[in-house]
C-alpha atoms as a PDB file:
ATOM      1  CA  MET A   1      -1.706  23.118 -73.314  1.00  0.00           C
ATOM      2  CA  LYS A   2      -3.808  22.920 -70.143  1.00  0.00           C
ATOM      3  CA  THR A   3      -4.224  25.935 -67.889  1.00  0.00           C
ATOM      4  CA  LEU A   4      -5.276  26.328 -64.272  1.00  0.00           C
ATOM      5  CA  LYS A   5      -8.498  27.915 -65.548  1.00  0.00           C
ATOM      6  CA  GLU A   6      -9.496  24.543 -67.057  1.00  0.00           C
ATOM      7  CA  ALA A   7      -8.784  22.484 -63.912  1.00  0.00           C
ATOM      8  CA  ALA A   8     -11.877  21.083 -62.227  1.00  0.00           C
ATOM      9  CA  CYS A   9     -12.877  21.565 -58.620  1.00  0.00           C
ATOM     10  CA  GLY A  10     -11.137  19.029 -56.359  1.00  0.00           C
ATOM     11  CA  GLN A  11      -8.254  18.449 -58.758  1.00  0.00           C
ATOM     12  CA  THR A  12      -4.542  18.717 -57.956  1.00  0.00           C
ATOM     13  CA  VAL A  13      -2.245  19.985 -60.691  1.00  0.00           C
ATOM     14  CA  ARG A  14       1.444  20.832 -61.034  1.00  0.00           C
ATOM     15  CA  VAL A  15       2.586  24.149 -62.506  1.00  0.00           C
ATOM     16  CA  LYS A  16       4.609  23.689 -65.695  1.00  0.00           C
ATOM     17  CA  ARG A  17       5.046  27.261 -66.879  1.00  0.00           C
ATOM     18  CA  LEU A  18       3.901  30.816 -66.292  1.00  0.00           C
ATOM     19  CA  SER A  19       3.076  33.006 -69.244  1.00  0.00           C
ATOM     20  CA  GLY A  20       2.252  36.677 -69.171  1.00  0.00           C
ATOM     21  CA  ASP A  21       4.434  39.716 -68.933  1.00  0.00           C
ATOM     22  CA  GLY A  22       6.391  41.599 -66.266  1.00  0.00           C
ATOM     23  CA  PRO A  23       4.252  42.810 -63.380  1.00  0.00           C
ATOM     24  CA  VAL A  24       1.460  40.244 -63.791  1.00  0.00           C
ATOM     25  CA  LYS A  25       3.892  37.307 -63.885  1.00  0.00           C
ATOM     26  CA  ARG A  26       5.815  38.741 -60.920  1.00  0.00           C
ATOM     27  CA  ARG A  27       2.570  39.089 -58.891  1.00  0.00           C
ATOM     28  CA  ILE A  28       1.654  35.443 -59.584  1.00  0.00           C
ATOM     29  CA  MET A  29       5.153  34.320 -58.557  1.00  0.00           C
ATOM     30  CA  ASP A  30       4.978  36.458 -55.388  1.00  0.00           C
ATOM     31  CA  MET A  31       1.843  34.518 -54.407  1.00  0.00           C
ATOM     32  CA  GLY A  32       3.952  31.340 -54.367  1.00  0.00           C
ATOM     33  CA  ILE A  33       2.825  29.968 -57.722  1.00  0.00           C
ATOM     34  CA  THR A  34       6.083  28.901 -59.346  1.00  0.00           C
ATOM     35  CA  LYS A  35       7.203  26.125 -61.692  1.00  0.00           C
ATOM     36  CA  GLY A  36       6.902  22.666 -60.131  1.00  0.00           C
ATOM     37  CA  VAL A  37       4.586  23.607 -57.259  1.00  0.00           C
ATOM     38  CA  GLU A  38       1.399  21.593 -56.701  1.00  0.00           C
ATOM     39  CA  VAL A  39      -1.901  23.467 -56.678  1.00  0.00           C
ATOM     40  CA  PHE A  40      -5.202  22.094 -55.364  1.00  0.00           C
ATOM     41  CA  VAL A  41      -8.357  23.612 -56.866  1.00  0.00           C
ATOM     42  CA  ARG A  42     -10.730  24.098 -53.908  1.00  0.00           C
ATOM     43  CA  LYS A  43     -13.701  25.905 -55.443  1.00  0.00           C
ATOM     44  CA  VAL A  44     -14.778  27.514 -58.666  1.00  0.00           C
ATOM     45  CA  ALA A  45     -17.376  30.273 -58.424  1.00  0.00           C
ATOM     46  CA  PRO A  46     -20.661  29.681 -60.290  1.00  0.00           C
ATOM     47  CA  LEU A  47     -19.649  31.945 -63.167  1.00  0.00           C
ATOM     48  CA  GLY A  48     -16.057  30.648 -63.051  1.00  0.00           C
ATOM     49  CA  ASP A  49     -14.526  33.762 -61.531  1.00  0.00           C
ATOM     50  CA  PRO A  50     -12.714  33.657 -59.113  1.00  0.00           C
ATOM     51  CA  VAL A  51     -11.062  30.273 -58.620  1.00  0.00           C
ATOM     52  CA  GLU A  52     -10.090  29.310 -55.049  1.00  0.00           C
ATOM     53  CA  ILE A  53      -6.874  27.313 -54.785  1.00  0.00           C
ATOM     54  CA  THR A  54      -4.573  25.954 -52.100  1.00  0.00           C
ATOM     55  CA  VAL A  55      -0.874  26.412 -52.790  1.00  0.00           C
ATOM     56  CA  ARG A  56       2.026  25.845 -50.354  1.00  0.00           C
ATOM     57  CA  GLY A  57      -0.416  25.367 -47.482  1.00  0.00           C
ATOM     58  CA  TYR A  58      -2.429  28.559 -47.869  1.00  0.00           C
ATOM     59  CA  GLU A  59      -5.549  29.565 -49.746  1.00  0.00           C
ATOM     60  CA  LEU A  60      -5.732  32.024 -52.636  1.00  0.00           C
ATOM     61  CA  SER A  61      -8.383  33.397 -54.944  1.00  0.00           C
ATOM     62  CA  LEU A  62      -7.360  33.971 -58.552  1.00  0.00           C
ATOM     63  CA  ARG A  63      -9.186  35.718 -61.345  1.00  0.00           C
ATOM     64  CA  LYS A  64      -9.901  33.648 -64.436  1.00  0.00           C
ATOM     65  CA  ALA A  65      -7.579  35.873 -66.475  1.00  0.00           C
ATOM     66  CA  ASP A  66      -4.678  35.127 -64.101  1.00  0.00           C
ATOM     67  CA  ALA A  67      -5.469  31.394 -63.941  1.00  0.00           C
ATOM     68  CA  GLU A  68      -5.331  31.292 -67.736  1.00  0.00           C
ATOM     69  CA  MET A  69      -1.656  32.372 -67.617  1.00  0.00           C
ATOM     70  CA  ILE A  70      -0.664  29.341 -65.531  1.00  0.00           C
ATOM     71  CA  GLU A  71       0.140  26.262 -67.616  1.00  0.00           C
ATOM     72  CA  VAL A  72      -0.330  23.024 -65.638  1.00  0.00           C
ATOM     73  CA  GLU A  73      -0.099  19.246 -65.900  1.00  0.00           C
ATOM     74  CA  TYR A  74      -2.539  16.911 -64.214  1.00  0.00           C
ATOM     75  CA  ILE A  75      -1.208  14.536 -61.548  1.00  0.00           C
END
């Protein structure tokens, strides 16, 4: 299982599944990160937290803990 946390800078991935419970999962989905959407990893901070991504045409910053809940496949 690969997660968004493991994706390298400059890589595009597709979301396969969201794990996590209730409010955290809902918050991730409200940001536009849903099953099947493509996510481009723009930058990873020097210590790995946060991760900057582009999803649905806009930019987001995600904590490592949130990125770990997003299961992805490489494309």
